[in-house]
Amino acid sequence: MGNVASKWVELFPLQIAIAETCAKLLINEIILRFGTPRKMIFDIGAQFISAIMQKVTYCFGISSTFISLYHPESNLVERKNRELKTQLSILVKNIIIFRIYI
């Protein structure tokens, strides 16, 4: 989840990104910590277009906008996910190389 104005991104590791887990994260990690956002931009993943997420955003008065899946150019969080994957792959390669030379 990210803030478009400040470019602040919060990443949460999930084994499975299901609607219930995403709704709990939205409430517990974003709304309770930072307050209710006026607007949220979601990709059209099943967890975000679910009835549970629709109810949560409605109850908190959050306006929702949906964009295409995995489109880093239009989604701050997808850009950060891409950067994180790149950094993790470099780290893993360096760890493997480091272990070879130990």
N, C-alpha and C. Protein backbone atom coordinates (compact mmCIF):
# COMPACT_ATOMS: atom_id res chain seq x y z
N MET A 1 0.85 -1.16 0.00
CA MET A 1 0.00 0.00 0.00
C MET A 1 0.90 1.22 0.00
N GLY A 2 0.49 2.23 -0.74
CA GLY A 2 1.35 3.39 -0.86
C GLY A 2 0.58 4.70 -0.91
N ASN A 3 1.29 5.77 -0.60
CA ASN A 3 0.74 7.11 -0.64
C ASN A 3 1.29 7.80 -1.88
N VAL A 4 0.40 8.17 -2.79
CA VAL A 4 0.84 8.76 -4.06
C VAL A 4 1.53 10.10 -3.84
N ALA A 5 1.04 10.92 -2.93
CA ALA A 5 1.60 12.25 -2.70
C ALA A 5 3.03 12.18 -2.16
N SER A 6 3.26 11.34 -1.16
CA SER A 6 4.58 11.27 -0.52
C SER A 6 5.47 10.17 -1.09
N LYS A 7 4.89 9.27 -1.90
CA LYS A 7 5.58 8.09 -2.45
C LYS A 7 5.96 7.09 -1.35
N TRP A 8 5.36 7.21 -0.16
CA TRP A 8 5.61 6.28 0.94
C TRP A 8 4.89 4.97 0.62
N VAL A 9 5.60 3.86 0.76
CA VAL A 9 5.02 2.55 0.48
C VAL A 9 5.20 1.66 1.68
N GLU A 10 4.17 0.94 2.04
CA GLU A 10 4.22 -0.07 3.10
C GLU A 10 4.05 -1.43 2.42
N LEU A 11 5.00 -2.33 2.62
CA LEU A 11 4.92 -3.67 2.05
C LEU A 11 4.70 -4.67 3.17
N PHE A 12 3.81 -5.62 2.91
CA PHE A 12 3.47 -6.63 3.91
C PHE A 12 3.62 -8.01 3.28
N PRO A 13 4.46 -8.88 3.86
CA PRO A 13 4.60 -10.22 3.29
C PRO A 13 3.35 -11.05 3.55
N LEU A 14 2.83 -11.66 2.51
CA LEU A 14 1.64 -12.50 2.63
C LEU A 14 1.92 -13.84 1.96
N GLN A 15 1.52 -14.93 2.60
CA GLN A 15 1.63 -16.22 1.95
C GLN A 15 0.61 -16.32 0.82
N ILE A 16 -0.60 -15.87 1.10
CA ILE A 16 -1.68 -15.85 0.11
C ILE A 16 -2.40 -14.52 0.24
N ALA A 17 -2.55 -13.82 -0.87
CA ALA A 17 -3.23 -12.52 -0.85
C ALA A 17 -4.73 -12.74 -1.07
N ILE A 18 -5.44 -13.02 0.02
CA ILE A 18 -6.89 -13.20 -0.08
C ILE A 18 -7.59 -11.97 0.49
N ALA A 19 -8.85 -11.83 0.16
CA ALA A 19 -9.61 -10.63 0.53
C ALA A 19 -9.63 -10.39 2.04
N GLU A 20 -9.84 -11.43 2.83
CA GLU A 20 -9.92 -11.27 4.28
C GLU A 20 -8.62 -10.71 4.84
N THR A 21 -7.50 -11.25 4.39
CA THR A 21 -6.19 -10.80 4.85
C THR A 21 -5.93 -9.36 4.43
N CYS A 22 -6.27 -9.03 3.20
CA CYS A 22 -6.06 -7.66 2.71
C CYS A 22 -6.94 -6.67 3.46
N ALA A 23 -8.17 -7.06 3.76
CA ALA A 23 -9.07 -6.18 4.52
C ALA A 23 -8.54 -5.94 5.93
N LYS A 24 -8.05 -7.01 6.58
CA LYS A 24 -7.47 -6.86 7.92
C LYS A 24 -6.24 -5.96 7.90
N LEU A 25 -5.39 -6.14 6.89
CA LEU A 25 -4.20 -5.29 6.77
C LEU A 25 -4.60 -3.83 6.56
N LEU A 26 -5.58 -3.60 5.71
CA LEU A 26 -6.03 -2.24 5.46
C LEU A 26 -6.50 -1.57 6.75
N ILE A 27 -7.28 -2.29 7.52
CA ILE A 27 -7.81 -1.73 8.78
C ILE A 27 -6.71 -1.59 9.83
N ASN A 28 -6.01 -2.69 10.11
CA ASN A 28 -5.05 -2.71 11.22
C ASN A 28 -3.75 -1.96 10.94
N GLU A 29 -3.25 -2.03 9.72
CA GLU A 29 -1.94 -1.44 9.43
C GLU A 29 -2.00 -0.07 8.78
N ILE A 30 -3.10 0.25 8.15
CA ILE A 30 -3.19 1.55 7.48
C ILE A 30 -4.16 2.47 8.20
N ILE A 31 -5.42 2.08 8.30
CA ILE A 31 -6.44 2.96 8.89
C ILE A 31 -6.15 3.25 10.36
N LEU A 32 -5.83 2.23 11.14
CA LEU A 32 -5.58 2.45 12.57
C LEU A 32 -4.28 3.21 12.83
N ARG A 33 -3.31 3.10 11.94
CA ARG A 33 -2.03 3.79 12.13
C ARG A 33 -2.02 5.19 11.53
N PHE A 34 -2.62 5.36 10.36
CA PHE A 34 -2.51 6.63 9.64
C PHE A 34 -3.83 7.37 9.46
N GLY A 35 -4.93 6.73 9.78
CA GLY A 35 -6.24 7.33 9.53
C GLY A 35 -6.82 6.80 8.22
N THR A 36 -8.05 7.16 7.96
CA THR A 36 -8.75 6.66 6.78
C THR A 36 -8.37 7.47 5.55
N PRO A 37 -7.88 6.79 4.52
CA PRO A 37 -7.60 7.51 3.28
C PRO A 37 -8.89 7.92 2.58
N ARG A 38 -8.85 9.02 1.85
CA ARG A 38 -10.05 9.45 1.11
C ARG A 38 -10.25 8.60 -0.13
N LYS A 39 -9.13 8.22 -0.76
CA LYS A 39 -9.20 7.48 -2.01
C LYS A 39 -8.12 6.42 -2.03
N MET A 40 -8.44 5.26 -2.61
CA MET A 40 -7.44 4.21 -2.78
C MET A 40 -7.49 3.72 -4.22
N ILE A 41 -6.31 3.42 -4.75
CA ILE A 41 -6.20 2.87 -6.10
C ILE A 41 -5.81 1.41 -5.96
N PHE A 42 -6.63 0.53 -6.51
CA PHE A 42 -6.39 -0.91 -6.45
C PHE A 42 -6.20 -1.44 -7.86
N ASP A 43 -5.41 -2.54 -7.98
CA ASP A 43 -5.46 -3.24 -9.25
C ASP A 43 -6.70 -4.13 -9.20
N ILE A 44 -7.02 -4.78 -10.29
CA ILE A 44 -8.27 -5.54 -10.34
C ILE A 44 -8.09 -6.99 -9.90
N GLY A 45 -7.20 -7.19 -8.94
CA GLY A 45 -7.03 -8.51 -8.35
C GLY A 45 -8.28 -8.92 -7.60
N ALA A 46 -8.55 -10.22 -7.58
CA ALA A 46 -9.78 -10.73 -6.95
C ALA A 46 -9.91 -10.29 -5.50
N GLN A 47 -8.79 -10.18 -4.77
CA GLN A 47 -8.85 -9.79 -3.36
C GLN A 47 -9.32 -8.36 -3.19
N PHE A 48 -9.12 -7.51 -4.19
CA PHE A 48 -9.51 -6.10 -4.07
C PHE A 48 -10.92 -5.81 -4.59
N ILE A 49 -11.39 -6.62 -5.52
CA ILE A 49 -12.74 -6.39 -6.04
C ILE A 49 -13.78 -7.24 -5.32
N SER A 50 -13.37 -7.93 -4.28
CA SER A 50 -14.26 -8.80 -3.53
C SER A 50 -15.30 -8.01 -2.74
N ALA A 51 -16.35 -8.70 -2.35
CA ALA A 51 -17.42 -8.07 -1.55
C ALA A 51 -16.88 -7.58 -0.21
N ILE A 52 -15.93 -8.31 0.37
CA ILE A 52 -15.36 -7.91 1.67
C ILE A 52 -14.66 -6.55 1.55
N MET A 53 -13.81 -6.39 0.55
CA MET A 53 -13.11 -5.12 0.38
C MET A 53 -14.08 -4.00 0.01
N GLN A 54 -15.10 -4.32 -0.76
CA GLN A 54 -16.10 -3.30 -1.09
C GLN A 54 -16.81 -2.82 0.17
N LYS A 55 -17.13 -3.77 1.07
CA LYS A 55 -17.79 -3.40 2.33
C LYS A 55 -16.87 -2.55 3.20
N VAL A 56 -15.61 -2.94 3.30
CA VAL A 56 -14.66 -2.19 4.13
C VAL A 56 -14.50 -0.77 3.60
N THR A 57 -14.29 -0.63 2.30
CA THR A 57 -14.11 0.72 1.74
C THR A 57 -15.39 1.54 1.88
N TYR A 58 -16.54 0.90 1.72
CA TYR A 58 -17.82 1.61 1.88
C TYR A 58 -18.00 2.07 3.33
N CYS A 59 -17.76 1.17 4.29
CA CYS A 59 -17.95 1.49 5.71
C CYS A 59 -17.04 2.63 6.17
N PHE A 60 -15.84 2.70 5.61
CA PHE A 60 -14.91 3.76 6.00
C PHE A 60 -14.99 4.98 5.09
N GLY A 61 -15.87 4.93 4.10
CA GLY A 61 -16.04 6.07 3.20
C GLY A 61 -14.87 6.30 2.26
N ILE A 62 -14.22 5.22 1.85
CA ILE A 62 -13.05 5.31 0.97
C ILE A 62 -13.52 5.18 -0.48
N SER A 63 -13.14 6.14 -1.30
CA SER A 63 -13.43 6.09 -2.73
C SER A 63 -12.41 5.15 -3.38
N SER A 64 -12.86 4.22 -4.21
CA SER A 64 -11.98 3.24 -4.83
C SER A 64 -11.88 3.46 -6.34
N THR A 65 -10.65 3.36 -6.85
CA THR A 65 -10.40 3.38 -8.28
C THR A 65 -9.64 2.11 -8.62
N PHE A 66 -9.96 1.52 -9.76
CA PHE A 66 -9.31 0.27 -10.15
C PHE A 66 -8.51 0.47 -11.43
N ILE A 67 -7.31 -0.14 -11.46
CA ILE A 67 -6.44 -0.07 -12.63
C ILE A 67 -6.05 -1.48 -13.04
N SER A 68 -5.39 -1.62 -14.19
CA SER A 68 -5.05 -2.95 -14.70
C SER A 68 -4.01 -3.64 -13.80
N LEU A 69 -4.03 -4.96 -13.84
CA LEU A 69 -3.10 -5.78 -13.04
C LEU A 69 -1.66 -5.61 -13.49
N TYR A 70 -0.74 -5.67 -12.54
CA TYR A 70 0.71 -5.71 -12.78
C TYR A 70 1.16 -4.65 -13.79
N HIS A 71 0.71 -3.44 -13.62
CA HIS A 71 1.07 -2.36 -14.54
C HIS A 71 1.89 -1.32 -13.79
N PRO A 72 3.20 -1.52 -13.71
CA PRO A 72 4.05 -0.65 -12.89
C PRO A 72 4.00 0.83 -13.25
N GLU A 73 3.72 1.13 -14.50
CA GLU A 73 3.70 2.54 -14.91
C GLU A 73 2.57 3.32 -14.25
N SER A 74 1.48 2.65 -13.90
CA SER A 74 0.35 3.37 -13.32
C SER A 74 0.12 3.04 -11.84
N ASN A 75 1.01 2.24 -11.26
CA ASN A 75 0.77 1.78 -9.90
C ASN A 75 2.06 1.87 -9.08
N LEU A 76 2.08 2.79 -8.13
CA LEU A 76 3.25 3.01 -7.28
C LEU A 76 3.69 1.72 -6.59
N VAL A 77 2.76 0.96 -6.06
CA VAL A 77 3.10 -0.26 -5.33
C VAL A 77 3.71 -1.30 -6.26
N GLU A 78 3.18 -1.43 -7.47
CA GLU A 78 3.77 -2.38 -8.43
C GLU A 78 5.20 -1.98 -8.78
N ARG A 79 5.47 -0.69 -8.89
CA ARG A 79 6.85 -0.24 -9.15
C ARG A 79 7.76 -0.64 -8.00
N LYS A 80 7.28 -0.45 -6.76
CA LYS A 80 8.08 -0.82 -5.59
C LYS A 80 8.27 -2.33 -5.52
N ASN A 81 7.23 -3.10 -5.89
CA ASN A 81 7.37 -4.56 -5.92
C ASN A 81 8.44 -4.97 -6.91
N ARG A 82 8.45 -4.34 -8.08
CA ARG A 82 9.46 -4.64 -9.10
C ARG A 82 10.86 -4.31 -8.57
N GLU A 83 11.03 -3.16 -7.92
CA GLU A 83 12.32 -2.78 -7.34
C GLU A 83 12.76 -3.77 -6.27
N LEU A 84 11.82 -4.17 -5.42
CA LEU A 84 12.13 -5.12 -4.35
C LEU A 84 12.56 -6.46 -4.92
N LYS A 85 11.86 -6.96 -5.94
CA LYS A 85 12.23 -8.23 -6.57
C LYS A 85 13.64 -8.16 -7.15
N THR A 86 13.95 -7.05 -7.79
CA THR A 86 15.29 -6.86 -8.35
C THR A 86 16.34 -6.87 -7.25
N GLN A 87 16.10 -6.13 -6.18
CA GLN A 87 17.06 -6.07 -5.07
C GLN A 87 17.21 -7.42 -4.39
N LEU A 88 16.11 -8.14 -4.20
CA LEU A 88 16.20 -9.46 -3.57
C LEU A 88 16.95 -10.45 -4.45
N SER A 89 16.74 -10.39 -5.77
CA SER A 89 17.46 -11.31 -6.65
C SER A 89 18.96 -11.03 -6.62
N ILE A 90 19.35 -9.76 -6.54
CA ILE A 90 20.77 -9.41 -6.42
C ILE A 90 21.32 -9.92 -5.09
N LEU A 91 20.57 -9.74 -4.02
CA LEU A 91 21.00 -10.21 -2.70
C LEU A 91 21.19 -11.72 -2.69
N VAL A 92 20.23 -12.44 -3.26
CA VAL A 92 20.32 -13.91 -3.27
C VAL A 92 21.53 -14.35 -4.09
N LYS A 93 21.75 -13.74 -5.24
CA LYS A 93 22.92 -14.09 -6.06
C LYS A 93 24.21 -13.83 -5.29
N ASN A 94 24.27 -12.69 -4.60
CA ASN A 94 25.47 -12.36 -3.82
C ASN A 94 25.68 -13.33 -2.67
N ILE A 95 24.61 -13.77 -2.03
CA ILE A 95 24.73 -14.74 -0.94
C ILE A 95 25.27 -16.06 -1.47
N ILE A 96 24.74 -16.51 -2.61
CA ILE A 96 25.21 -17.76 -3.19
C ILE A 96 26.69 -17.65 -3.56
N ILE A 97 27.08 -16.56 -4.20
CA ILE A 97 28.48 -16.34 -4.56
C ILE A 97 29.34 -16.24 -3.30
N PHE A 98 28.87 -15.54 -2.29
CA PHE A 98 29.60 -15.40 -1.03
C PHE A 98 29.84 -16.76 -0.39
N ARG A 99 28.82 -17.62 -0.39
CA ARG A 99 28.97 -18.95 0.23
C ARG A 99 29.96 -19.81 -0.53
N ILE A 100 30.05 -19.64 -1.83
CA ILE A 100 31.01 -20.41 -2.63
C ILE A 100 32.44 -20.08 -2.20
N TYR A 101 32.70 -18.81 -1.90
CA TYR A 101 34.05 -18.37 -1.57
C TYR A 101 34.39 -18.46 -0.09
N ILE A 102 33.48 -18.92 0.74
CA ILE A 102 33.77 -19.03 2.18
C ILE A 102 34.66 -20.22 2.44
